[in-house]
Amino acid sequence: MPGVETLPDLEEATDTRTARQSPYSVILHNDDFNSTIFVATVLYKVFAYPQLKCITLMMEAHKTGRAVVWTGSLEVAELKVEQIHSCGGDPSNPKATPLHATIEPAA
């Protein structure tokens, strides 16, 4: 039609999918100052794991030097590490320091 302007197709290539964040792991490292009972108790307080799982994770860290105690989003991993550190060291040992926990990208 004369005088009618047609607009070009404006098909946009948009991706509306939400990008997933890569998971991160909280790593508990072994130390020689906190008792096994204290370590298992901290895991119970922070993660609310069953007692057997807390003991299993504590023993893995003790025997191998480290244990993956939780995996998920970076923000929650940071919170969990902060919670572990806030438990302090074993009150039965004056040389005890807060448990050593770190974050790394999940395998």
PDB file of N, CA and C in Angstrom:
ATOM      1  N   MET A   1       0.829  -1.168   0.000  1.00  0.00           N
ATOM      2  CA  MET A   1       0.000   0.000   0.000  1.00  0.00           C
ATOM      3  C   MET A   1       0.883   1.244   0.000  1.00  0.00           C
ATOM      4  N   PRO A   2       0.487   2.186  -0.767  1.00  0.00           N
ATOM      5  CA  PRO A   2       1.288   3.403  -0.786  1.00  0.00           C
ATOM      6  C   PRO A   2       1.103   4.186   0.513  1.00  0.00           C
ATOM      7  N   GLY A   3       2.187   4.714   1.022  1.00  0.00           N
ATOM      8  CA  GLY A   3       2.162   5.529   2.245  1.00  0.00           C
ATOM      9  C   GLY A   3       2.151   4.729   3.530  1.00  0.00           C
ATOM     10  N   VAL A   4       2.144   3.400   3.444  1.00  0.00           N
ATOM     11  CA  VAL A   4       2.165   2.567   4.657  1.00  0.00           C
ATOM     12  C   VAL A   4       3.580   2.038   4.828  1.00  0.00           C
ATOM     13  N   GLU A   5       4.124   2.354   5.946  1.00  0.00           N
ATOM     14  CA  GLU A   5       5.491   1.919   6.219  1.00  0.00           C
ATOM     15  C   GLU A   5       5.447   0.578   6.951  1.00  0.00           C
ATOM     16  N   THR A   6       6.201  -0.375   6.461  1.00  0.00           N
ATOM     17  CA  THR A   6       6.278  -1.663   7.150  1.00  0.00           C
ATOM     18  C   THR A   6       7.555  -1.701   7.965  1.00  0.00           C
ATOM     19  N   LEU A   7       7.428  -2.217   9.143  1.00  0.00           N
ATOM     20  CA  LEU A   7       8.573  -2.327  10.037  1.00  0.00           C
ATOM     21  C   LEU A   7       9.237  -3.686   9.864  1.00  0.00           C
ATOM     22  N   PRO A   8      10.543  -3.712   9.976  1.00  0.00           N
ATOM     23  CA  PRO A   8      11.220  -5.001   9.861  1.00  0.00           C
ATOM     24  C   PRO A   8      10.903  -5.874  11.080  1.00  0.00           C
ATOM     25  N   ASP A   9      11.011  -7.165  10.876  1.00  0.00           N
ATOM     26  CA  ASP A   9      10.835  -8.091  11.990  1.00  0.00           C
ATOM     27  C   ASP A   9      11.950  -7.856  13.008  1.00  0.00           C
ATOM     28  N   LEU A  10      11.549  -7.690  14.250  1.00  0.00           N
ATOM     29  CA  LEU A  10      12.527  -7.439  15.309  1.00  0.00           C
ATOM     30  C   LEU A  10      12.610  -8.651  16.244  1.00  0.00           C
ATOM     31  N   GLU A  11      12.895  -9.761  15.650  1.00  0.00           N
ATOM     32  CA  GLU A  11      13.019 -10.971  16.459  1.00  0.00           C
ATOM     33  C   GLU A  11      14.344 -10.920  17.198  1.00  0.00           C
ATOM     34  N   GLU A  12      14.254 -10.844  18.496  1.00  0.00           N
ATOM     35  CA  GLU A  12      15.477 -10.797  19.304  1.00  0.00           C
ATOM     36  C   GLU A  12      15.822 -12.192  19.782  1.00  0.00           C
ATOM     37  N   ALA A  13      17.072 -12.443  19.761  1.00  0.00           N
ATOM     38  CA  ALA A  13      17.541 -13.720  20.290  1.00  0.00           C
ATOM     39  C   ALA A  13      17.830 -13.523  21.774  1.00  0.00           C
ATOM     40  N   THR A  14      16.813 -13.715  22.572  1.00  0.00           N
ATOM     41  CA  THR A  14      17.005 -13.556  24.013  1.00  0.00           C
ATOM     42  C   THR A  14      16.924 -14.912  24.685  1.00  0.00           C
ATOM     43  N   ASP A  15      17.765 -15.070  25.650  1.00  0.00           N
ATOM     44  CA  ASP A  15      17.790 -16.305  26.425  1.00  0.00           C
ATOM     45  C   ASP A  15      17.193 -15.985  27.785  1.00  0.00           C
ATOM     46  N   THR A  16      16.034 -16.522  28.060  1.00  0.00           N
ATOM     47  CA  THR A  16      15.360 -16.212  29.320  1.00  0.00           C
ATOM     48  C   THR A  16      15.653 -17.238  30.398  1.00  0.00           C
ATOM     49  N   ARG A  17      16.510 -18.195  30.102  1.00  0.00           N
ATOM     50  CA  ARG A  17      16.871 -19.184  31.112  1.00  0.00           C
ATOM     51  C   ARG A  17      17.762 -18.547  32.169  1.00  0.00           C
ATOM     52  N   THR A  18      17.592 -18.987  33.392  1.00  0.00           N
ATOM     53  CA  THR A  18      18.418 -18.498  34.489  1.00  0.00           C
ATOM     54  C   THR A  18      19.722 -19.280  34.499  1.00  0.00           C
ATOM     55  N   ALA A  19      20.815 -18.540  34.567  1.00  0.00           N
ATOM     56  CA  ALA A  19      22.123 -19.200  34.622  1.00  0.00           C
ATOM     57  C   ALA A  19      22.335 -19.792  36.008  1.00  0.00           C
ATOM     58  N   ARG A  20      22.802 -21.011  36.044  1.00  0.00           N
ATOM     59  CA  ARG A  20      23.070 -21.677  37.314  1.00  0.00           C
ATOM     60  C   ARG A  20      24.469 -21.323  37.792  1.00  0.00           C
ATOM     61  N   GLN A  21      24.566 -21.049  39.088  1.00  0.00           N
ATOM     62  CA  GLN A  21      25.883 -20.793  39.667  1.00  0.00           C
ATOM     63  C   GLN A  21      26.612 -22.119  39.839  1.00  0.00           C
ATOM     64  N   SER A  22      27.907 -22.065  39.685  1.00  0.00           N
ATOM     65  CA  SER A  22      28.705 -23.252  39.950  1.00  0.00           C
ATOM     66  C   SER A  22      28.685 -23.528  41.445  1.00  0.00           C
ATOM     67  N   PRO A  23      28.647 -24.799  41.841  1.00  0.00           N
ATOM     68  CA  PRO A  23      28.622 -25.112  43.272  1.00  0.00           C
ATOM     69  C   PRO A  23      30.004 -24.962  43.913  1.00  0.00           C
ATOM     70  N   TYR A  24      29.975 -24.717  45.205  1.00  0.00           N
ATOM     71  CA  TYR A  24      31.188 -24.598  46.003  1.00  0.00           C
ATOM     72  C   TYR A  24      31.109 -25.572  47.166  1.00  0.00           C
ATOM     73  N   SER A  25      32.275 -26.025  47.606  1.00  0.00           N
ATOM     74  CA  SER A  25      32.343 -26.956  48.724  1.00  0.00           C
ATOM     75  C   SER A  25      32.983 -26.300  49.934  1.00  0.00           C
ATOM     76  N   VAL A  26      32.457 -26.642  51.105  1.00  0.00           N
ATOM     77  CA  VAL A  26      33.071 -26.247  52.366  1.00  0.00           C
ATOM     78  C   VAL A  26      33.985 -27.399  52.765  1.00  0.00           C
ATOM     79  N   ILE A  27      35.247 -27.068  52.977  1.00  0.00           N
ATOM     80  CA  ILE A  27      36.256 -28.065  53.318  1.00  0.00           C
ATOM     81  C   ILE A  27      36.655 -27.894  54.781  1.00  0.00           C
ATOM     82  N   LEU A  28      36.569 -28.956  55.544  1.00  0.00           N
ATOM     83  CA  LEU A  28      37.046 -28.965  56.926  1.00  0.00           C
ATOM     84  C   LEU A  28      38.440 -29.572  56.926  1.00  0.00           C
ATOM     85  N   HIS A  29      39.399 -28.860  57.519  1.00  0.00           N
ATOM     86  CA  HIS A  29      40.785 -29.328  57.573  1.00  0.00           C
ATOM     87  C   HIS A  29      41.090 -29.877  58.968  1.00  0.00           C
ATOM     88  N   ASN A  30      41.941 -30.869  59.008  1.00  0.00           N
ATOM     89  CA  ASN A  30      42.332 -31.462  60.278  1.00  0.00           C
ATOM     90  C   ASN A  30      43.208 -30.493  61.066  1.00  0.00           C
ATOM     91  N   ASP A  31      43.123 -30.576  62.376  1.00  0.00           N
ATOM     92  CA  ASP A  31      44.071 -29.855  63.242  1.00  0.00           C
ATOM     93  C   ASP A  31      44.390 -30.745  64.435  1.00  0.00           C
ATOM     94  N   ASP A  32      45.406 -30.361  65.166  1.00  0.00           N
ATOM     95  CA  ASP A  32      45.864 -31.181  66.288  1.00  0.00           C
ATOM     96  C   ASP A  32      45.443 -30.627  67.642  1.00  0.00           C
ATOM     97  N   PHE A  33      44.560 -29.632  67.672  1.00  0.00           N
ATOM     98  CA  PHE A  33      44.239 -28.980  68.937  1.00  0.00           C
ATOM     99  C   PHE A  33      42.793 -29.151  69.384  1.00  0.00           C
ATOM    100  N   ASN A  34      41.884 -29.388  68.450  1.00  0.00           N
ATOM    101  CA  ASN A  34      40.473 -29.554  68.803  1.00  0.00           C
ATOM    102  C   ASN A  34      40.148 -31.040  68.927  1.00  0.00           C
ATOM    103  N   SER A  35      39.406 -31.379  69.974  1.00  0.00           N
ATOM    104  CA  SER A  35      39.061 -32.788  70.196  1.00  0.00           C
ATOM    105  C   SER A  35      38.077 -33.272  69.139  1.00  0.00           C
ATOM    106  N   THR A  36      38.064 -34.572  68.953  1.00  0.00           N
ATOM    107  CA  THR A  36      37.146 -35.162  67.985  1.00  0.00           C
ATOM    108  C   THR A  36      35.691 -34.883  68.370  1.00  0.00           C
ATOM    109  N   ILE A  37      35.410 -34.913  69.644  1.00  0.00           N
ATOM    110  CA  ILE A  37      34.042 -34.636  70.113  1.00  0.00           C
ATOM    111  C   ILE A  37      33.656 -33.195  69.789  1.00  0.00           C
ATOM    112  N   PHE A  38      34.578 -32.260  70.007  1.00  0.00           N
ATOM    113  CA  PHE A  38      34.299 -30.855  69.706  1.00  0.00           C
ATOM    114  C   PHE A  38      34.026 -30.670  68.217  1.00  0.00           C
ATOM    115  N   VAL A  39      34.848 -31.280  67.361  1.00  0.00           N
ATOM    116  CA  VAL A  39      34.685 -31.133  65.913  1.00  0.00           C
ATOM    117  C   VAL A  39      33.323 -31.681  65.479  1.00  0.00           C
ATOM    118  N   ALA A  40      32.966 -32.864  65.957  1.00  0.00           N
ATOM    119  CA  ALA A  40      31.670 -33.457  65.603  1.00  0.00           C
ATOM    120  C   ALA A  40      30.527 -32.582  66.112  1.00  0.00           C
ATOM    121  N   THR A  41      30.689 -31.983  67.285  1.00  0.00           N
ATOM    122  CA  THR A  41      29.653 -31.110  67.839  1.00  0.00           C
ATOM    123  C   THR A  41      29.473 -29.856  66.981  1.00  0.00           C
ATOM    124  N   VAL A  42      30.562 -29.276  66.508  1.00  0.00           N
ATOM    125  CA  VAL A  42      30.476 -28.097  65.633  1.00  0.00           C
ATOM    126  C   VAL A  42      29.749 -28.465  64.338  1.00  0.00           C
ATOM    127  N   LEU A  43      30.078 -29.608  63.759  1.00  0.00           N
ATOM    128  CA  LEU A  43      29.395 -30.030  62.531  1.00  0.00           C
ATOM    129  C   LEU A  43      27.900 -30.212  62.783  1.00  0.00           C
ATOM    130  N   TYR A  44      27.563 -30.752  63.935  1.00  0.00           N
ATOM    131  CA  TYR A  44      26.155 -30.934  64.289  1.00  0.00           C
ATOM    132  C   TYR A  44      25.448 -29.584  64.428  1.00  0.00           C
ATOM    133  N   LYS A  45      26.104 -28.640  65.108  1.00  0.00           N
ATOM    134  CA  LYS A  45      25.504 -27.315  65.312  1.00  0.00           C
ATOM    135  C   LYS A  45      25.310 -26.565  64.002  1.00  0.00           C
ATOM    136  N   VAL A  46      26.302 -26.599  63.149  1.00  0.00           N
ATOM    137  CA  VAL A  46      26.279 -25.798  61.918  1.00  0.00           C
ATOM    138  C   VAL A  46      25.416 -26.433  60.829  1.00  0.00           C
ATOM    139  N   PHE A  47      25.485 -27.747  60.688  1.00  0.00           N
ATOM    140  CA  PHE A  47      24.809 -28.400  59.569  1.00  0.00           C
ATOM    141  C   PHE A  47      23.582 -29.220  59.973  1.00  0.00           C
ATOM    142  N   ALA A  48      23.420 -29.468  61.267  1.00  0.00           N
ATOM    143  CA  ALA A  48      22.309 -30.294  61.766  1.00  0.00           C
ATOM    144  C   ALA A  48      22.320 -31.690  61.143  1.00  0.00           C
ATOM    145  N   TYR A  49      23.522 -32.193  60.879  1.00  0.00           N
ATOM    146  CA  TYR A  49      23.650 -33.556  60.362  1.00  0.00           C
ATOM    147  C   TYR A  49      23.388 -34.544  61.491  1.00  0.00           C
ATOM    148  N   PRO A  50      22.988 -35.772  61.142  1.00  0.00           N
ATOM    149  CA  PRO A  50      22.891 -36.812  62.170  1.00  0.00           C
ATOM    150  C   PRO A  50      24.271 -37.065  62.794  1.00  0.00           C
ATOM    151  N   GLN A  51      24.267 -37.523  64.014  1.00  0.00           N
ATOM    152  CA  GLN A  51      25.502 -37.736  64.767  1.00  0.00           C
ATOM    153  C   GLN A  51      26.497 -38.616  64.004  1.00  0.00           C
ATOM    154  N   LEU A  52      26.025 -39.688  63.409  1.00  0.00           N
ATOM    155  CA  LEU A  52      26.921 -40.593  62.687  1.00  0.00           C
ATOM    156  C   LEU A  52      27.608 -39.893  61.515  1.00  0.00           C
ATOM    157  N   LYS A  53      26.878 -39.049  60.787  1.00  0.00           N
ATOM    158  CA  LYS A  53      27.477 -38.318  59.667  1.00  0.00           C
ATOM    159  C   LYS A  53      28.537 -37.343  60.177  1.00  0.00           C
ATOM    160  N   CYS A  54      28.268 -36.677  61.295  1.00  0.00           N
ATOM    161  CA  CYS A  54      29.248 -35.751  61.881  1.00  0.00           C
ATOM    162  C   CYS A  54      30.533 -36.487  62.245  1.00  0.00           C
ATOM    163  N   ILE A  55      30.387 -37.646  62.841  1.00  0.00           N
ATOM    164  CA  ILE A  55      31.561 -38.439  63.238  1.00  0.00           C
ATOM    165  C   ILE A  55      32.309 -38.925  62.000  1.00  0.00           C
ATOM    166  N   THR A  56      31.578 -39.361  60.986  1.00  0.00           N
ATOM    167  CA  THR A  56      32.208 -39.840  59.748  1.00  0.00           C
ATOM    168  C   THR A  56      33.012 -38.725  59.074  1.00  0.00           C
ATOM    169  N   LEU A  57      32.419 -37.523  58.971  1.00  0.00           N
ATOM    170  CA  LEU A  57      33.126 -36.395  58.358  1.00  0.00           C
ATOM    171  C   LEU A  57      34.343 -35.987  59.183  1.00  0.00           C
ATOM    172  N   MET A  58      34.186 -35.973  60.503  1.00  0.00           N
ATOM    173  CA  MET A  58      35.305 -35.626  61.383  1.00  0.00           C
ATOM    174  C   MET A  58      36.446 -36.620  61.203  1.00  0.00           C
ATOM    175  N   MET A  59      36.125 -37.917  61.131  1.00  0.00           N
ATOM    176  CA  MET A  59      37.163 -38.940  60.966  1.00  0.00           C
ATOM    177  C   MET A  59      37.837 -38.841  59.596  1.00  0.00           C
ATOM    178  N   GLU A  60      37.072 -38.500  58.568  1.00  0.00           N
ATOM    179  CA  GLU A  60      37.669 -38.316  57.247  1.00  0.00           C
ATOM    180  C   GLU A  60      38.690 -37.181  57.271  1.00  0.00           C
ATOM    181  N   ALA A  61      38.322 -36.061  57.895  1.00  0.00           N
ATOM    182  CA  ALA A  61      39.263 -34.939  58.006  1.00  0.00           C
ATOM    183  C   ALA A  61      40.484 -35.348  58.828  1.00  0.00           C
ATOM    184  N   HIS A  62      40.262 -36.100  59.887  1.00  0.00           N
ATOM    185  CA  HIS A  62      41.359 -36.535  60.762  1.00  0.00           C
ATOM    186  C   HIS A  62      42.322 -37.465  60.020  1.00  0.00           C
ATOM    187  N   LYS A  63      41.776 -38.404  59.260  1.00  0.00           N
ATOM    188  CA  LYS A  63      42.613 -39.409  58.588  1.00  0.00           C
ATOM    189  C   LYS A  63      43.258 -38.907  57.304  1.00  0.00           C
ATOM    190  N   THR A  64      42.530 -38.078  56.537  1.00  0.00           N
ATOM    191  CA  THR A  64      43.048 -37.659  55.229  1.00  0.00           C
ATOM    192  C   THR A  64      43.538 -36.214  55.204  1.00  0.00           C
ATOM    193  N   GLY A  65      43.239 -35.470  56.278  1.00  0.00           N
ATOM    194  CA  GLY A  65      43.667 -34.074  56.330  1.00  0.00           C
ATOM    195  C   GLY A  65      42.571 -33.094  55.930  1.00  0.00           C
ATOM    196  N   ARG A  66      41.501 -33.594  55.316  1.00  0.00           N
ATOM    197  CA  ARG A  66      40.412 -32.723  54.893  1.00  0.00           C
ATOM    198  C   ARG A  66      39.172 -33.537  54.575  1.00  0.00           C
ATOM    199  N   ALA A  67      38.019 -32.867  54.640  1.00  0.00           N
ATOM    200  CA  ALA A  67      36.757 -33.514  54.282  1.00  0.00           C
ATOM    201  C   ALA A  67      35.822 -32.465  53.700  1.00  0.00           C
ATOM    202  N   VAL A  68      35.123 -32.820  52.641  1.00  0.00           N
ATOM    203  CA  VAL A  68      34.076 -31.958  52.094  1.00  0.00           C
ATOM    204  C   VAL A  68      32.861 -32.144  53.002  1.00  0.00           C
ATOM    205  N   VAL A  69      32.480 -31.083  53.705  1.00  0.00           N
ATOM    206  CA  VAL A  69      31.377 -31.200  54.659  1.00  0.00           C
ATOM    207  C   VAL A  69      30.067 -30.629  54.140  1.00  0.00           C
ATOM    208  N   TRP A  70      30.117 -29.873  53.039  1.00  0.00           N
ATOM    209  CA  TRP A  70      28.891 -29.304  52.462  1.00  0.00           C
ATOM    210  C   TRP A  70      29.199 -28.793  51.073  1.00  0.00           C
ATOM    211  N   THR A  71      28.217 -28.865  50.158  1.00  0.00           N
ATOM    212  CA  THR A  71      28.363 -28.328  48.807  1.00  0.00           C
ATOM    213  C   THR A  71      27.070 -27.626  48.408  1.00  0.00           C
ATOM    214  N   GLY A  72      27.219 -26.437  47.818  1.00  0.00           N
ATOM    215  CA  GLY A  72      26.057 -25.668  47.375  1.00  0.00           C
ATOM    216  C   GLY A  72      26.491 -24.303  46.882  1.00  0.00           C
ATOM    217  N   SER A  73      25.610 -23.314  47.035  1.00  0.00           N
ATOM    218  CA  SER A  73      25.895 -21.976  46.517  1.00  0.00           C
ATOM    219  C   SER A  73      27.036 -21.303  47.297  1.00  0.00           C
ATOM    220  N   LEU A  74      27.707 -20.388  46.642  1.00  0.00           N
ATOM    221  CA  LEU A  74      28.825 -19.674  47.253  1.00  0.00           C
ATOM    222  C   LEU A  74      28.380 -18.911  48.488  1.00  0.00           C
ATOM    223  N   GLU A  75      27.231 -18.247  48.400  1.00  0.00           N
ATOM    224  CA  GLU A  75      26.759 -17.439  49.534  1.00  0.00           C
ATOM    225  C   GLU A  75      26.524 -18.290  50.773  1.00  0.00           C
ATOM    226  N   VAL A  76      25.906 -19.445  50.601  1.00  0.00           N
ATOM    227  CA  VAL A  76      25.650 -20.322  51.752  1.00  0.00           C
ATOM    228  C   VAL A  76      26.963 -20.935  52.243  1.00  0.00           C
ATOM    229  N   ALA A  77      27.865 -21.269  51.332  1.00  0.00           N
ATOM    230  CA  ALA A  77      29.171 -21.804  51.733  1.00  0.00           C
ATOM    231  C   ALA A  77      29.914 -20.788  52.599  1.00  0.00           C
ATOM    232  N   GLU A  78      29.867 -19.510  52.209  1.00  0.00           N
ATOM    233  CA  GLU A  78      30.515 -18.468  53.004  1.00  0.00           C
ATOM    234  C   GLU A  78      29.881 -18.371  54.390  1.00  0.00           C
ATOM    235  N   LEU A  79      28.574 -18.469  54.450  1.00  0.00           N
ATOM    236  CA  LEU A  79      27.884 -18.436  55.737  1.00  0.00           C
ATOM    237  C   LEU A  79      28.282 -19.619  56.602  1.00  0.00           C
ATOM    238  N   LYS A  80      28.352 -20.809  56.022  1.00  0.00           N
ATOM    239  CA  LYS A  80      28.702 -22.011  56.789  1.00  0.00           C
ATOM    240  C   LYS A  80      30.122 -21.919  57.344  1.00  0.00           C
ATOM    241  N   VAL A  81      31.053 -21.412  56.560  1.00  0.00           N
ATOM    242  CA  VAL A  81      32.432 -21.244  57.043  1.00  0.00           C
ATOM    243  C   VAL A  81      32.454 -20.247  58.196  1.00  0.00           C
ATOM    244  N   GLU A  82      31.720 -19.164  58.051  1.00  0.00           N
ATOM    245  CA  GLU A  82      31.646 -18.167  59.124  1.00  0.00           C
ATOM    246  C   GLU A  82      31.056 -18.776  60.400  1.00  0.00           C
ATOM    247  N   GLN A  83      30.026 -19.593  60.242  1.00  0.00           N
ATOM    248  CA  GLN A  83      29.418 -20.245  61.402  1.00  0.00           C
ATOM    249  C   GLN A  83      30.388 -21.213  62.073  1.00  0.00           C
ATOM    250  N   ILE A  84      31.144 -21.957  61.284  1.00  0.00           N
ATOM    251  CA  ILE A  84      32.148 -22.873  61.847  1.00  0.00           C
ATOM    252  C   ILE A  84      33.172 -22.076  62.645  1.00  0.00           C
ATOM    253  N   HIS A  85      33.690 -21.005  62.054  1.00  0.00           N
ATOM    254  CA  HIS A  85      34.704 -20.182  62.728  1.00  0.00           C
ATOM    255  C   HIS A  85      34.147 -19.544  63.997  1.00  0.00           C
ATOM    256  N   SER A  86      32.866 -19.171  63.979  1.00  0.00           N
ATOM    257  CA  SER A  86      32.286 -18.496  65.145  1.00  0.00           C
ATOM    258  C   SER A  86      32.121 -19.421  66.351  1.00  0.00           C
ATOM    259  N   CYS A  87      32.252 -20.717  66.143  1.00  0.00           N
ATOM    260  CA  CYS A  87      32.164 -21.666  67.269  1.00  0.00           C
ATOM    261  C   CYS A  87      33.423 -21.628  68.129  1.00  0.00           C
ATOM    262  N   GLY A  88      34.463 -20.975  67.628  1.00  0.00           N
ATOM    263  CA  GLY A  88      35.702 -20.873  68.397  1.00  0.00           C
ATOM    264  C   GLY A  88      36.439 -22.201  68.444  1.00  0.00           C
ATOM    265  N   GLY A  89      37.354 -22.285  69.414  1.00  0.00           N
ATOM    266  CA  GLY A  89      38.124 -23.501  69.590  1.00  0.00           C
ATOM    267  C   GLY A  89      37.587 -24.321  70.741  1.00  0.00           C
ATOM    268  N   ASP A  90      38.090 -25.514  70.863  1.00  0.00           N
ATOM    269  CA  ASP A  90      37.681 -26.440  71.916  1.00  0.00           C
ATOM    270  C   ASP A  90      37.995 -25.828  73.284  1.00  0.00           C
ATOM    271  N   PRO A  91      36.971 -25.572  74.098  1.00  0.00           N
ATOM    272  CA  PRO A  91      37.213 -24.929  75.398  1.00  0.00           C
ATOM    273  C   PRO A  91      38.023 -25.788  76.364  1.00  0.00           C
ATOM    274  N   SER A  92      38.168 -27.072  76.077  1.00  0.00           N
ATOM    275  CA  SER A  92      38.943 -27.941  76.963  1.00  0.00           C
ATOM    276  C   SER A  92      40.443 -27.865  76.684  1.00  0.00           C
ATOM    277  N   ASN A  93      40.841 -27.156  75.617  1.00  0.00           N
ATOM    278  CA  ASN A  93      42.256 -27.027  75.271  1.00  0.00           C
ATOM    279  C   ASN A  93      42.587 -25.552  75.059  1.00  0.00           C
ATOM    280  N   PRO A  94      43.392 -24.968  75.938  1.00  0.00           N
ATOM    281  CA  PRO A  94      43.731 -23.546  75.794  1.00  0.00           C
ATOM    282  C   PRO A  94      44.490 -23.213  74.499  1.00  0.00           C
ATOM    283  N   LYS A  95      45.110 -24.206  73.859  1.00  0.00           N
ATOM    284  CA  LYS A  95      45.834 -23.978  72.605  1.00  0.00           C
ATOM    285  C   LYS A  95      44.927 -24.092  71.374  1.00  0.00           C
ATOM    286  N   ALA A  96      43.686 -24.490  71.588  1.00  0.00           N
ATOM    287  CA  ALA A  96      42.771 -24.708  70.466  1.00  0.00           C
ATOM    288  C   ALA A  96      42.383 -23.387  69.814  1.00  0.00           C
ATOM    289  N   THR A  97      42.254 -23.434  68.510  1.00  0.00           N
ATOM    290  CA  THR A  97      41.806 -22.291  67.716  1.00  0.00           C
ATOM    291  C   THR A  97      40.539 -22.715  66.980  1.00  0.00           C
ATOM    292  N   PRO A  98      39.807 -21.769  66.399  1.00  0.00           N
ATOM    293  CA  PRO A  98      38.624 -22.179  65.627  1.00  0.00           C
ATOM    294  C   PRO A  98      38.995 -23.209  64.560  1.00  0.00           C
ATOM    295  N   LEU A  99      38.059 -24.069  64.248  1.00  0.00           N
ATOM    296  CA  LEU A  99      38.293 -25.070  63.214  1.00  0.00           C
ATOM    297  C   LEU A  99      38.677 -24.383  61.912  1.00  0.00           C
ATOM    298  N   HIS A 100      39.565 -25.031  61.175  1.00  0.00           N
ATOM    299  CA  HIS A 100      40.017 -24.485  59.897  1.00  0.00           C
ATOM    300  C   HIS A 100      39.093 -25.010  58.803  1.00  0.00           C
ATOM    301  N   ALA A 101      38.326 -24.109  58.203  1.00  0.00           N
ATOM    302  CA  ALA A 101      37.410 -24.470  57.117  1.00  0.00           C
ATOM    303  C   ALA A 101      37.609 -23.473  55.982  1.00  0.00           C
ATOM    304  N   THR A 102      37.577 -23.976  54.777  1.00  0.00           N
ATOM    305  CA  THR A 102      37.767 -23.149  53.592  1.00  0.00           C
ATOM    306  C   THR A 102      36.692 -23.470  52.552  1.00  0.00           C
ATOM    307  N   ILE A 103      36.672 -22.658  51.495  1.00  0.00           N
ATOM    308  CA  ILE A 103      35.721 -22.848  50.399  1.00  0.00           C
ATOM    309  C   ILE A 103      36.532 -23.043  49.122  1.00  0.00           C
ATOM    310  N   GLU A 104      36.064 -23.977  48.291  1.00  0.00           N
ATOM    311  CA  GLU A 104      36.671 -24.135  46.977  1.00  0.00           C
ATOM    312  C   GLU A 104      35.592 -24.578  45.991  1.00  0.00           C
ATOM    313  N   PRO A 105      35.811 -24.317  44.702  1.00  0.00           N
ATOM    314  CA  PRO A 105      34.828 -24.774  43.717  1.00  0.00           C
ATOM    315  C   PRO A 105      34.651 -26.287  43.823  1.00  0.00           C
ATOM    316  N   ALA A 106      33.415 -26.748  43.719  1.00  0.00           N
ATOM    317  CA  ALA A 106      33.139 -28.177  43.820  1.00  0.00           C
ATOM    318  C   ALA A 106      33.729 -28.911  42.606  1.00  0.00           C
ATOM    319  N   ALA A 107      34.150 -30.112  42.854  1.00  0.00           N
ATOM    320  CA  ALA A 107      34.750 -30.917  41.794  1.00  0.00           C
ATOM    321  C   ALA A 107      33.703 -31.365  40.799  1.00  0.00           C
TER     322      ALA A 107
END
